[in-house]
PDB file of N, CA and C in Angstrom:
ATOM      1  N   GLU A   1      85.983 110.246 101.102  1.00  0.00           N
ATOM      2  CA  GLU A   1      84.658 110.730 101.421  1.00  0.00           C
ATOM      3  C   GLU A   1      84.667 111.735 102.558  1.00  0.00           C
ATOM      4  N   ALA A   2      85.589 111.601 103.476  1.00  0.00           N
ATOM      5  CA  ALA A   2      85.590 112.489 104.640  1.00  0.00           C
ATOM      6  C   ALA A   2      86.136 113.874 104.301  1.00  0.00           C
ATOM      7  N   ILE A   3      86.944 113.946 103.257  1.00  0.00           N
ATOM      8  CA  ILE A   3      87.534 115.240 102.912  1.00  0.00           C
ATOM      9  C   ILE A   3      86.694 115.907 101.834  1.00  0.00           C
ATOM     10  N   ASN A   4      86.183 117.064 102.180  1.00  0.00           N
ATOM     11  CA  ASN A   4      85.442 117.906 101.257  1.00  0.00           C
ATOM     12  C   ASN A   4      86.287 119.168 101.105  1.00  0.00           C
ATOM     13  N   PRO A   5      87.039 119.292 100.000  1.00  0.00           N
ATOM     14  CA  PRO A   5      87.971 120.399  99.854  1.00  0.00           C
ATOM     15  C   PRO A   5      87.349 121.762 100.151  1.00  0.00           C
ATOM     16  N   GLY A   6      88.040 122.509 100.987  1.00  0.00           N
ATOM     17  CA  GLY A   6      87.581 123.840 101.365  1.00  0.00           C
ATOM     18  C   GLY A   6      86.576 123.844 102.499  1.00  0.00           C
ATOM     19  N   LEU A   7      86.120 122.646 102.910  1.00  0.00           N
ATOM     20  CA  LEU A   7      85.116 122.586 103.969  1.00  0.00           C
ATOM     21  C   LEU A   7      85.602 121.751 105.157  1.00  0.00           C
ATOM     22  N   THR A   8      86.080 120.534 104.878  1.00  0.00           N
ATOM     23  CA  THR A   8      86.539 119.665 105.972  1.00  0.00           C
ATOM     24  C   THR A   8      88.017 119.306 105.838  1.00  0.00           C
ATOM     25  N   GLY A   9      88.650 119.780 104.819  1.00  0.00           N
ATOM     26  CA  GLY A   9      90.063 119.466 104.612  1.00  0.00           C
ATOM     27  C   GLY A   9      90.471 119.848 103.203  1.00  0.00           C
ATOM     28  N   ASP A  10      91.579 119.293 102.753  1.00  0.00           N
ATOM     29  CA  ASP A  10      92.027 119.577 101.394  1.00  0.00           C
ATOM     30  C   ASP A  10      93.036 118.518 100.978  1.00  0.00           C
ATOM     31  N   PHE A  11      93.428 118.547  99.738  1.00  0.00           N
ATOM     32  CA  PHE A  11      94.389 117.597  99.194  1.00  0.00           C
ATOM     33  C   PHE A  11      95.628 118.348  98.735  1.00  0.00           C
ATOM     34  N   PHE A  12      96.742 117.623  98.679  1.00  0.00           N
ATOM     35  CA  PHE A  12      97.973 118.181  98.117  1.00  0.00           C
ATOM     36  C   PHE A  12      98.652 117.072  97.324  1.00  0.00           C
ATOM     37  N   ARG A  13      99.546 117.471  96.426  1.00  0.00           N
ATOM     38  CA  ARG A  13     100.242 116.494  95.592  1.00  0.00           C
ATOM     39  C   ARG A  13     101.208 115.669  96.449  1.00  0.00           C
ATOM     40  N   ARG A  14     101.151 114.369  96.272  1.00  0.00           N
ATOM     41  CA  ARG A  14     102.005 113.447  97.018  1.00  0.00           C
ATOM     42  C   ARG A  14     103.485 113.796  96.836  1.00  0.00           C
ATOM     43  N   ASN A  15     104.219 113.755  97.921  1.00  0.00           N
ATOM     44  CA  ASN A  15     105.666 114.013  97.931  1.00  0.00           C
ATOM     45  C   ASN A  15     106.023 115.417  97.441  1.00  0.00           C
ATOM     46  N   ASP A  16     105.115 116.350  97.608  1.00  0.00           N
ATOM     47  CA  ASP A  16     105.359 117.719  97.157  1.00  0.00           C
ATOM     48  C   ASP A  16     105.209 118.669  98.349  1.00  0.00           C
ATOM     49  N   ALA A  17     106.328 118.907  99.020  1.00  0.00           N
ATOM     50  CA  ALA A  17     106.316 119.750 100.217  1.00  0.00           C
ATOM     51  C   ALA A  17     105.852 121.165  99.897  1.00  0.00           C
ATOM     52  N   ARG A  18     106.188 121.655  98.738  1.00  0.00           N
ATOM     53  CA  ARG A  18     105.776 123.008  98.358  1.00  0.00           C
ATOM     54  C   ARG A  18     104.251 123.091  98.231  1.00  0.00           C
ATOM     55  N   ASP A  19     103.648 122.093  97.596  1.00  0.00           N
ATOM     56  CA  ASP A  19     102.193 122.084  97.466  1.00  0.00           C
ATOM     57  C   ASP A  19     101.536 121.954  98.832  1.00  0.00           C
ATOM     58  N   LEU A  20     102.085 121.107  99.708  1.00  0.00           N
ATOM     59  CA  LEU A  20     101.567 120.986 101.067  1.00  0.00           C
ATOM     60  C   LEU A  20     101.635 122.332 101.785  1.00  0.00           C
ATOM     61  N   ALA A  21     102.756 123.017 101.670  1.00  0.00           N
ATOM     62  CA  ALA A  21     102.898 124.333 102.300  1.00  0.00           C
ATOM     63  C   ALA A  21     101.872 125.317 101.747  1.00  0.00           C
ATOM     64  N   ASN A  22     101.636 125.267 100.446  1.00  0.00           N
ATOM     65  CA  ASN A  22     100.638 126.165  99.844  1.00  0.00           C
ATOM     66  C   ASN A  22      99.232 125.867 100.358  1.00  0.00           C
ATOM     67  N   VAL A  23      98.904 124.590 100.494  1.00  0.00           N
ATOM     68  CA  VAL A  23      97.584 124.213 101.002  1.00  0.00           C
ATOM     69  C   VAL A  23      97.431 124.672 102.453  1.00  0.00           C
ATOM     70  N   ILE A  24      98.456 124.453 103.264  1.00  0.00           N
ATOM     71  CA  ILE A  24      98.400 124.894 104.666  1.00  0.00           C
ATOM     72  C   ILE A  24      98.264 126.406 104.733  1.00  0.00           C
ATOM     73  N   ARG A  25      99.030 127.108 103.928  1.00  0.00           N
ATOM     74  CA  ARG A  25      98.964 128.575 103.900  1.00  0.00           C
ATOM     75  C   ARG A  25      97.560 129.044 103.528  1.00  0.00           C
ATOM     76  N   ARG A  26      96.990 128.423 102.493  1.00  0.00           N
ATOM     77  CA  ARG A  26      95.648 128.805 102.062  1.00  0.00           C
ATOM     78  C   ARG A  26      94.638 128.559 103.186  1.00  0.00           C
ATOM     79  N   TRP A  27      94.756 127.415 103.867  1.00  0.00           N
ATOM     80  CA  TRP A  27      93.821 127.109 104.950  1.00  0.00           C
ATOM     81  C   TRP A  27      93.963 128.081 106.112  1.00  0.00           C
ATOM     82  N   THR A  28      95.164 128.462 106.441  1.00  0.00           N
ATOM     83  CA  THR A  28      95.347 129.348 107.591  1.00  0.00           C
ATOM     84  C   THR A  28      95.005 130.797 107.275  1.00  0.00           C
ATOM     85  N   ARG A  29      94.925 131.139 106.004  1.00  0.00           N
ATOM     86  CA  ARG A  29      94.648 132.538 105.638  1.00  0.00           C
ATOM     87  C   ARG A  29      93.282 132.766 105.010  1.00  0.00           C
ATOM     88  N   GLU A  30      92.784 131.781 104.260  1.00  0.00           N
ATOM     89  CA  GLU A  30      91.618 132.049 103.417  1.00  0.00           C
ATOM     90  C   GLU A  30      90.386 131.203 103.698  1.00  0.00           C
ATOM     91  N   ILE A  31      90.562 130.034 104.267  1.00  0.00           N
ATOM     92  CA  ILE A  31      89.447 129.094 104.389  1.00  0.00           C
ATOM     93  C   ILE A  31      88.533 129.492 105.552  1.00  0.00           C
ATOM     94  N   THR A  32      87.358 128.957 105.494  1.00  0.00           N
ATOM     95  CA  THR A  32      86.293 129.189 106.467  1.00  0.00           C
ATOM     96  C   THR A  32      86.824 129.238 107.899  1.00  0.00           C
ATOM     97  N   PRO A  33      86.196 130.009 108.753  1.00  0.00           N
ATOM     98  CA  PRO A  33      86.626 130.078 110.157  1.00  0.00           C
ATOM     99  C   PRO A  33      86.689 128.694 110.805  1.00  0.00           C
ATOM    100  N   PRO A  34      87.624 128.488 111.728  1.00  0.00           N
ATOM    101  CA  PRO A  34      87.813 127.166 112.342  1.00  0.00           C
ATOM    102  C   PRO A  34      86.540 126.548 112.927  1.00  0.00           C
ATOM    103  N   GLU A  35      85.681 127.323 113.530  1.00  0.00           N
ATOM    104  CA  GLU A  35      84.456 126.754 114.113  1.00  0.00           C
ATOM    105  C   GLU A  35      83.564 126.152 113.030  1.00  0.00           C
ATOM    106  N   SER A  36      83.497 126.775 111.875  1.00  0.00           N
ATOM    107  CA  SER A  36      82.698 126.227 110.764  1.00  0.00           C
ATOM    108  C   SER A  36      83.304 124.921 110.255  1.00  0.00           C
ATOM    109  N   VAL A  37      84.621 124.869 110.178  1.00  0.00           N
ATOM    110  CA  VAL A  37      85.308 123.649 109.753  1.00  0.00           C
ATOM    111  C   VAL A  37      85.034 122.542 110.765  1.00  0.00           C
ATOM    112  N   ARG A  38      85.151 122.864 112.035  1.00  0.00           N
ATOM    113  CA  ARG A  38      84.910 121.883 113.089  1.00  0.00           C
ATOM    114  C   ARG A  38      83.487 121.326 112.997  1.00  0.00           C
ATOM    115  N   ARG A  39      82.512 122.196 112.815  1.00  0.00           N
ATOM    116  CA  ARG A  39      81.113 121.745 112.698  1.00  0.00           C
ATOM    117  C   ARG A  39      80.923 120.837 111.478  1.00  0.00           C
ATOM    118  N   ALA A  40      81.527 121.221 110.371  1.00  0.00           N
ATOM    119  CA  ALA A  40      81.409 120.410 109.147  1.00  0.00           C
ATOM    120  C   ALA A  40      82.060 119.041 109.343  1.00  0.00           C
ATOM    121  N   CYS A  41      83.189 118.998 110.018  1.00  0.00           N
ATOM    122  CA  CYS A  41      83.868 117.724 110.277  1.00  0.00           C
ATOM    123  C   CYS A  41      83.017 116.837 111.177  1.00  0.00           C
ATOM    124  N   TYR A  42      82.481 117.414 112.255  1.00  0.00           N
ATOM    125  CA  TYR A  42      81.618 116.644 113.163  1.00  0.00           C
ATOM    126  C   TYR A  42      80.396 116.107 112.418  1.00  0.00           C
ATOM    127  N   ALA A  43      79.796 116.933 111.590  1.00  0.00           N
ATOM    128  CA  ALA A  43      78.604 116.504 110.851  1.00  0.00           C
ATOM    129  C   ALA A  43      78.933 115.343 109.918  1.00  0.00           C
ATOM    130  N   THR A  44      80.081 115.389 109.257  1.00  0.00           N
ATOM    131  CA  THR A  44      80.494 114.309 108.367  1.00  0.00           C
ATOM    132  C   THR A  44      80.656 113.012 109.144  1.00  0.00           C
ATOM    133  N   VAL A  45      81.341 113.084 110.272  1.00  0.00           N
ATOM    134  CA  VAL A  45      81.557 111.887 111.086  1.00  0.00           C
ATOM    135  C   VAL A  45      80.232 111.353 111.611  1.00  0.00           C
ATOM    136  N   GLU A  46      79.385 112.237 112.112  1.00  0.00           N
ATOM    137  CA  GLU A  46      78.107 111.800 112.689  1.00  0.00           C
ATOM    138  C   GLU A  46      77.172 111.166 111.663  1.00  0.00           C
ATOM    139  N   THR A  47      77.225 111.623 110.411  1.00  0.00           N
ATOM    140  CA  THR A  47      76.294 111.092 109.412  1.00  0.00           C
ATOM    141  C   THR A  47      76.858 109.927 108.604  1.00  0.00           C
ATOM    142  N   LYS A  48      78.168 109.885 108.393  1.00  0.00           N
ATOM    143  CA  LYS A  48      78.742 108.844 107.528  1.00  0.00           C
ATOM    144  C   LYS A  48      79.511 107.762 108.275  1.00  0.00           C
ATOM    145  N   TYR A  49      80.026 108.064 109.427  1.00  0.00           N
ATOM    146  CA  TYR A  49      80.919 107.128 110.116  1.00  0.00           C
ATOM    147  C   TYR A  49      80.359 106.769 111.484  1.00  0.00           C
ATOM    148  N   ASN A  50      79.247 106.062 111.462  1.00  0.00           N
ATOM    149  CA  ASN A  50      78.590 105.624 112.687  1.00  0.00           C
ATOM    150  C   ASN A  50      78.088 104.200 112.453  1.00  0.00           C
ATOM    151  N   PRO A  51      77.746 103.482 113.502  1.00  0.00           N
ATOM    152  CA  PRO A  51      77.324 102.086 113.336  1.00  0.00           C
ATOM    153  C   PRO A  51      76.128 101.909 112.397  1.00  0.00           C
ATOM    154  N   HIS A  52      75.148 102.810 112.461  1.00  0.00           N
ATOM    155  CA  HIS A  52      73.974 102.684 111.598  1.00  0.00           C
ATOM    156  C   HIS A  52      74.364 102.815 110.116  1.00  0.00           C
ATOM    157  N   ALA A  53      75.161 103.820 109.797  1.00  0.00           N
ATOM    158  CA  ALA A  53      75.577 104.022 108.405  1.00  0.00           C
ATOM    159  C   ALA A  53      76.401 102.833 107.910  1.00  0.00           C
ATOM    160  N   HIS A  54      77.271 102.296 108.759  1.00  0.00           N
ATOM    161  CA  HIS A  54      78.081 101.147 108.352  1.00  0.00           C
ATOM    162  C   HIS A  54      77.200  99.919 108.138  1.00  0.00           C
ATOM    163  N   ALA A  55      76.230  99.695 109.028  1.00  0.00           N
ATOM    164  CA  ALA A  55      75.323  98.559 108.865  1.00  0.00           C
ATOM    165  C   ALA A  55      74.546  98.678 107.560  1.00  0.00           C
ATOM    166  N   GLU A  56      74.072  99.872 107.246  1.00  0.00           N
ATOM    167  CA  GLU A  56      73.340 100.083 105.986  1.00  0.00           C
ATOM    168  C   GLU A  56      74.231  99.809 104.777  1.00  0.00           C
ATOM    169  N   ALA A  57      75.480 100.253 104.835  1.00  0.00           N
ATOM    170  CA  ALA A  57      76.401 100.026 103.717  1.00  0.00           C
ATOM    171  C   ALA A  57      76.666  98.534 103.531  1.00  0.00           C
ATOM    172  N   ILE A  58      76.833  97.818 104.637  1.00  0.00           N
ATOM    173  CA  ILE A  58      77.058  96.371 104.557  1.00  0.00           C
ATOM    174  C   ILE A  58      75.821  95.682 103.988  1.00  0.00           C
ATOM    175  N   LYS A  59      74.654  96.075 104.473  1.00  0.00           N
ATOM    176  CA  LYS A  59      73.408  95.482 103.980  1.00  0.00           C
ATOM    177  C   LYS A  59      73.254  95.721 102.474  1.00  0.00           C
ATOM    178  N   LEU A  60      73.512  96.922 102.022  1.00  0.00           N
ATOM    179  CA  LEU A  60      73.405  97.211 100.588  1.00  0.00           C
ATOM    180  C   LEU A  60      74.416  96.418  99.783  1.00  0.00           C
ATOM    181  N   ALA A  61      75.612  96.248 100.327  1.00  0.00           N
ATOM    182  CA  ALA A  61      76.627  95.482  99.628  1.00  0.00           C
ATOM    183  C   ALA A  61      76.203  94.027  99.484  1.00  0.00           C
ATOM    184  N   ILE A  62      75.620  93.478 100.537  1.00  0.00           N
ATOM    185  CA  ILE A  62      75.191  92.082 100.491  1.00  0.00           C
ATOM    186  C   ILE A  62      73.984  91.920  99.579  1.00  0.00           C
ATOM    187  N   VAL A  63      72.990  92.743  99.756  1.00  0.00           N
ATOM    188  CA  VAL A  63      71.770  92.648  98.955  1.00  0.00           C
ATOM    189  C   VAL A  63      72.081  92.939  97.487  1.00  0.00           C
ATOM    190  N   GLY A  64      72.941  93.875  97.248  1.00  0.00           N
ATOM    191  CA  GLY A  64      73.278  94.251  95.883  1.00  0.00           C
ATOM    192  C   GLY A  64      74.058  93.197  95.133  1.00  0.00           C
ATOM    193  N   HIS A  65      74.707  92.285  95.851  1.00  0.00           N
ATOM    194  CA  HIS A  65      75.546  91.294  95.186  1.00  0.00           C
ATOM    195  C   HIS A  65      75.024  89.861  95.312  1.00  0.00           C
ATOM    196  N   CYS A  66      73.932  89.654  96.029  1.00  0.00           N
ATOM    197  CA  CYS A  66      73.350  88.315  96.174  1.00  0.00           C
ATOM    198  C   CYS A  66      72.253  88.124  95.133  1.00  0.00           C
ATOM    199  N   PRO A  67      72.180  86.941  94.559  1.00  0.00           N
ATOM    200  CA  PRO A  67      71.088  86.694  93.599  1.00  0.00           C
ATOM    201  C   PRO A  67      69.737  86.737  94.299  1.00  0.00           C
ATOM    202  N   GLN A  68      68.751  87.251  93.611  1.00  0.00           N
ATOM    203  CA  GLN A  68      67.384  87.315  94.155  1.00  0.00           C
ATOM    204  C   GLN A  68      66.746  85.937  94.069  1.00  0.00           C
ATOM    205  N   GLU A  69      65.925  85.598  95.070  1.00  0.00           N
ATOM    206  CA  GLU A  69      65.227  84.311  95.056  1.00  0.00           C
ATOM    207  C   GLU A  69      63.897  84.432  94.394  1.00  0.00           C
TER     208      GLU A  69
END
């Protein structure tokens, strides 16, 4: 969830150093300016990975799986 390809990060094929090098090369040459990436990363953390969001996810998990009375 934290990785949004081209915005907050990217993926590469497991155990494939060449693919990793290609992804790094693409990020250092073609991807959005670093400040935009930084802002997008901060926004993701602030909205998805905070105590309120975690509490809501836990509440939904419990309510969604408990029988209604």
